[in-house]
């Protein structure tokens, strides 16, 4: 994993450097995905409807009379679940990368 130079300093070899770059990009991607999942919920706003009886002033919407309204809900994944999935994927990627690197260095020595 390290290459020794003549001056006594150590330097990462290309595979280790590439693995660290990939791990950093995976963590950054997970963070961006988690942020993108929470932005729509955080930027939601309440829209006020003008009250026609008050001369255009803002107020509650008039109540509907004599009609039954059916409420249809749609499913989806909450933001905390998306964040948890992204975090689990990033952790799994780091563990798999370290396991692969461990096998590679053990087979090279032996």
Protein backbone atom coordinates (compact mmCIF):
# COMPACT_ATOMS: atom_id res chain seq x y z
CA UNK A 1 0.00 0.00 0.00
CA UNK A 2 2.92 2.34 0.62
CA UNK A 3 6.02 2.88 -1.45
CA UNK A 4 9.13 3.84 0.48
CA UNK A 5 11.21 6.65 -0.97
CA UNK A 6 14.90 7.16 -0.37
CA UNK A 7 14.27 10.08 2.00
CA UNK A 8 12.26 7.98 4.43
CA UNK A 9 8.86 9.39 3.48
CA UNK A 10 5.94 7.21 2.42
CA UNK A 11 3.70 7.73 -0.56
CA UNK A 12 0.42 6.03 -1.47
CA UNK A 13 0.52 3.86 -4.56
CA UNK A 14 -1.89 4.46 -7.42
CA UNK A 15 -4.49 1.85 -6.36
CA UNK A 16 -4.74 3.20 -2.82
CA UNK A 17 -4.99 6.77 -4.07
CA UNK A 18 -7.72 5.79 -6.54
CA UNK A 19 -9.59 3.92 -3.78
CA UNK A 20 -9.52 6.97 -1.52
CA UNK A 21 -10.73 9.22 -4.33
CA UNK A 22 -13.60 6.82 -5.07
CA UNK A 23 -14.52 6.61 -1.37
CA UNK A 24 -14.51 10.42 -1.11
CA UNK A 25 -16.68 10.73 -4.23
CA UNK A 26 -19.09 8.11 -2.85
CA UNK A 27 -19.42 10.04 0.40
CA UNK A 28 -19.90 13.30 -1.47
CA UNK A 29 -22.52 11.74 -3.74
CA UNK A 30 -24.38 10.35 -0.73
CA UNK A 31 -24.36 13.77 0.90
CA UNK A 32 -25.66 15.46 -2.24
CA UNK A 33 -28.42 12.87 -2.62
CA UNK A 34 -29.44 13.28 1.02
CA UNK A 35 -29.49 17.05 0.61
CA UNK A 36 -31.53 16.79 -2.61
CA UNK A 37 -34.04 14.55 -0.86
CA UNK A 38 -34.62 16.99 1.99
CA UNK A 39 -34.70 20.27 0.03
CA UNK A 40 -38.26 19.90 -1.36
CA UNK A 41 -39.69 19.30 2.12
CA UNK A 42 -37.72 22.16 3.64
CA UNK A 43 -38.75 24.66 0.98
CA UNK A 44 -42.48 23.88 1.11
CA UNK A 45 -44.63 26.94 1.69
CA UNK A 46 -48.23 27.70 2.57
CA UNK A 47 -50.01 29.57 -0.22
CA UNK A 48 -52.66 32.06 0.85
CA UNK A 49 -55.81 32.31 -1.23
CA UNK A 50 -57.50 35.72 -1.60
CA UNK A 51 -60.93 35.92 0.08
CA UNK A 52 -63.41 37.19 -2.54
CA UNK A 53 -65.84 38.41 0.13
CA UNK A 54 -63.28 40.66 1.82
CA UNK A 55 -62.43 42.71 -1.26
CA UNK A 56 -59.32 40.76 -2.23
CA UNK A 57 -57.76 40.51 1.24
CA UNK A 58 -56.02 37.30 2.14
CA UNK A 59 -57.95 34.88 4.30
CA UNK A 60 -59.21 31.32 4.51
CA UNK A 61 -60.73 29.74 1.43
CA UNK A 62 -64.54 29.54 1.38
CA UNK A 63 -65.98 26.20 2.45
CA UNK A 64 -67.51 23.92 -0.16
CA UNK A 65 -71.18 23.23 0.48
CA UNK A 66 -73.10 20.02 -0.16
CA UNK A 67 -70.34 17.99 -1.78
CA UNK A 68 -68.34 15.02 -0.58
CA UNK A 69 -64.63 15.27 -1.14
CA UNK A 70 -62.46 12.17 -1.42
CA UNK A 71 -58.88 12.54 -0.28
CA UNK A 72 -56.40 10.57 -2.32
CA UNK A 73 -52.95 10.15 -0.86
CA UNK A 74 -49.93 9.09 -2.81
CA UNK A 75 -47.06 7.09 -1.40
CA UNK A 76 -43.40 7.88 -1.40
CA UNK A 77 -40.20 7.46 0.55
CA UNK A 78 -39.62 9.97 3.35
CA UNK A 79 -36.37 11.91 3.26
CA UNK A 80 -34.92 10.21 6.34
CA UNK A 81 -35.26 6.81 4.67
CA UNK A 82 -33.47 8.04 1.54
CA UNK A 83 -30.70 9.45 3.73
CA UNK A 84 -30.42 6.16 5.60
CA UNK A 85 -30.21 4.16 2.35
CA UNK A 86 -27.50 6.47 0.96
CA UNK A 87 -25.52 6.23 4.20
CA UNK A 88 -25.77 2.42 4.22
CA UNK A 89 -24.61 2.29 0.59
CA UNK A 90 -21.61 4.51 1.34
CA UNK A 91 -20.63 2.40 4.36
CA UNK A 92 -20.99 -0.81 2.33
CA UNK A 93 -18.83 0.65 -0.44
CA UNK A 94 -16.06 1.51 2.03
CA UNK A 95 -16.16 -1.95 3.63
CA UNK A 96 -16.11 -3.71 0.25
CA UNK A 97 -13.23 -1.55 -0.93
CA UNK A 98 -11.22 -2.30 2.21
CA UNK A 99 -11.96 -6.02 1.97
CA UNK A 100 -10.85 -6.06 -1.66
CA UNK A 101 -7.70 -4.13 -0.81
CA UNK A 102 -6.95 -6.52 2.06
CA UNK A 103 -7.19 -9.57 -0.18
CA UNK A 104 -5.07 -7.91 -2.84
CA UNK A 105 -2.22 -7.09 -0.45
CA UNK A 106 -2.34 -10.53 1.19
CA UNK A 107 -2.08 -12.34 -2.15
CA UNK A 108 0.74 -10.07 -3.32
CA UNK A 109 2.94 -10.97 -0.35
CA UNK A 110 2.51 -14.62 -0.50
